[in-house]
Amino acid sequence: MDRCVYCHEELAIMERNRSECWNCQEKMSETYSDDYTEVEGEVK
């Protein structure tokens, strides 16, 4: 029985080639505009 590495729910047949379920994958891939801080020209 394959389980998600994050929530430990049993993976559906279509998810078996992954390590996480679709719900956890969606949560991890959600991005918001304020998640990124761009710094221009700061190379040391």
N, C-alpha and C. Protein backbone atom coordinates (compact mmCIF):
# COMPACT_ATOMS: atom_id res chain seq x y z
N MET A 1 0.85 -1.18 0.00
CA MET A 1 0.00 0.00 0.00
C MET A 1 0.90 1.24 0.00
N ASP A 2 0.76 2.08 -1.01
CA ASP A 2 1.55 3.30 -1.11
C ASP A 2 0.84 4.43 -0.38
N ARG A 3 1.64 5.23 0.32
CA ARG A 3 1.10 6.35 1.09
C ARG A 3 1.85 7.63 0.77
N CYS A 4 1.17 8.74 0.94
CA CYS A 4 1.76 10.06 0.73
C CYS A 4 2.83 10.29 1.80
N VAL A 5 3.98 10.85 1.40
CA VAL A 5 5.06 11.08 2.36
C VAL A 5 4.76 12.25 3.30
N TYR A 6 3.76 13.09 2.97
CA TYR A 6 3.44 14.24 3.81
C TYR A 6 2.25 14.00 4.73
N CYS A 7 1.13 13.55 4.17
CA CYS A 7 -0.07 13.38 5.00
C CYS A 7 -0.34 11.91 5.34
N HIS A 8 0.40 10.99 4.73
CA HIS A 8 0.31 9.55 4.99
C HIS A 8 -1.01 8.92 4.58
N GLU A 9 -1.78 9.63 3.74
CA GLU A 9 -3.01 9.05 3.19
C GLU A 9 -2.64 8.05 2.10
N GLU A 10 -3.49 7.07 1.92
CA GLU A 10 -3.25 6.09 0.87
C GLU A 10 -3.36 6.76 -0.50
N LEU A 11 -2.40 6.49 -1.39
CA LEU A 11 -2.41 7.08 -2.72
C LEU A 11 -3.42 6.37 -3.61
N ALA A 12 -4.12 7.14 -4.43
CA ALA A 12 -5.04 6.56 -5.41
C ALA A 12 -4.23 5.87 -6.50
N ILE A 13 -4.87 5.03 -7.27
CA ILE A 13 -4.18 4.28 -8.31
C ILE A 13 -3.43 5.21 -9.26
N MET A 14 -4.03 6.34 -9.62
CA MET A 14 -3.40 7.28 -10.54
C MET A 14 -2.22 8.03 -9.90
N GLU A 15 -2.09 7.99 -8.59
CA GLU A 15 -1.02 8.70 -7.88
C GLU A 15 0.16 7.79 -7.53
N ARG A 16 0.09 6.54 -7.84
CA ARG A 16 1.08 5.57 -7.37
C ARG A 16 2.50 5.83 -7.86
N ASN A 17 2.68 6.57 -8.94
CA ASN A 17 4.02 6.87 -9.42
C ASN A 17 4.60 8.13 -8.77
N ARG A 18 3.93 8.64 -7.76
CA ARG A 18 4.37 9.86 -7.06
C ARG A 18 4.66 9.53 -5.60
N SER A 19 5.34 10.46 -4.92
CA SER A 19 5.59 10.26 -3.50
C SER A 19 4.60 11.03 -2.63
N GLU A 20 3.84 11.95 -3.26
CA GLU A 20 2.83 12.69 -2.50
C GLU A 20 1.50 12.67 -3.25
N CYS A 21 0.41 12.82 -2.50
CA CYS A 21 -0.92 12.82 -3.11
C CYS A 21 -1.16 14.15 -3.81
N TRP A 22 -2.20 14.20 -4.63
CA TRP A 22 -2.51 15.41 -5.38
C TRP A 22 -2.81 16.57 -4.45
N ASN A 23 -3.48 16.33 -3.34
CA ASN A 23 -3.81 17.42 -2.40
C ASN A 23 -2.55 18.07 -1.84
N CYS A 24 -1.60 17.24 -1.42
CA CYS A 24 -0.36 17.79 -0.86
C CYS A 24 0.47 18.45 -1.96
N GLN A 25 0.47 17.89 -3.14
CA GLN A 25 1.21 18.48 -4.25
C GLN A 25 0.64 19.86 -4.60
N GLU A 26 -0.68 19.99 -4.59
CA GLU A 26 -1.31 21.29 -4.86
C GLU A 26 -0.97 22.30 -3.77
N LYS A 27 -0.96 21.87 -2.52
CA LYS A 27 -0.63 22.78 -1.42
C LYS A 27 0.80 23.28 -1.55
N MET A 28 1.72 22.41 -1.96
CA MET A 28 3.11 22.80 -2.07
C MET A 28 3.38 23.66 -3.30
N SER A 29 2.55 23.55 -4.33
CA SER A 29 2.79 24.30 -5.56
C SER A 29 2.06 25.63 -5.59
N GLU A 30 1.23 25.92 -4.60
CA GLU A 30 0.54 27.21 -4.55
C GLU A 30 1.55 28.31 -4.26
N THR A 31 1.54 29.33 -5.09
CA THR A 31 2.43 30.47 -4.86
C THR A 31 1.61 31.74 -4.81
N TYR A 32 2.10 32.68 -4.10
CA TYR A 32 1.44 33.97 -3.96
C TYR A 32 2.44 35.05 -4.32
N SER A 33 1.97 36.16 -4.80
CA SER A 33 2.86 37.22 -5.28
C SER A 33 3.78 37.73 -4.18
N ASP A 34 3.36 37.71 -2.93
CA ASP A 34 4.21 38.21 -1.86
C ASP A 34 5.18 37.15 -1.32
N ASP A 35 5.19 35.96 -1.91
CA ASP A 35 6.13 34.92 -1.50
C ASP A 35 7.54 35.20 -2.00
N TYR A 36 7.66 36.04 -3.00
CA TYR A 36 8.95 36.28 -3.63
C TYR A 36 9.45 37.67 -3.30
N THR A 37 10.70 37.76 -2.95
CA THR A 37 11.33 39.04 -2.72
C THR A 37 12.47 39.14 -3.72
N GLU A 38 12.34 40.07 -4.63
CA GLU A 38 13.38 40.23 -5.65
C GLU A 38 14.36 41.30 -5.21
N VAL A 39 15.64 40.98 -5.30
CA VAL A 39 16.69 41.93 -5.01
C VAL A 39 17.46 42.13 -6.29
N GLU A 40 17.49 43.36 -6.77
CA GLU A 40 18.14 43.65 -8.05
C GLU A 40 19.57 44.11 -7.84
N GLY A 41 20.48 43.53 -8.61
CA GLY A 41 21.85 44.00 -8.67
C GLY A 41 22.70 43.78 -7.44
N GLU A 42 22.29 42.94 -6.53
CA GLU A 42 23.07 42.70 -5.32
C GLU A 42 23.89 41.43 -5.47
N VAL A 43 25.05 41.55 -6.08
CA VAL A 43 25.94 40.40 -6.25
C VAL A 43 27.25 40.74 -5.55
N LYS A 44 27.68 39.86 -4.66
CA LYS A 44 28.92 40.12 -3.91
C LYS A 44 29.99 39.15 -4.32
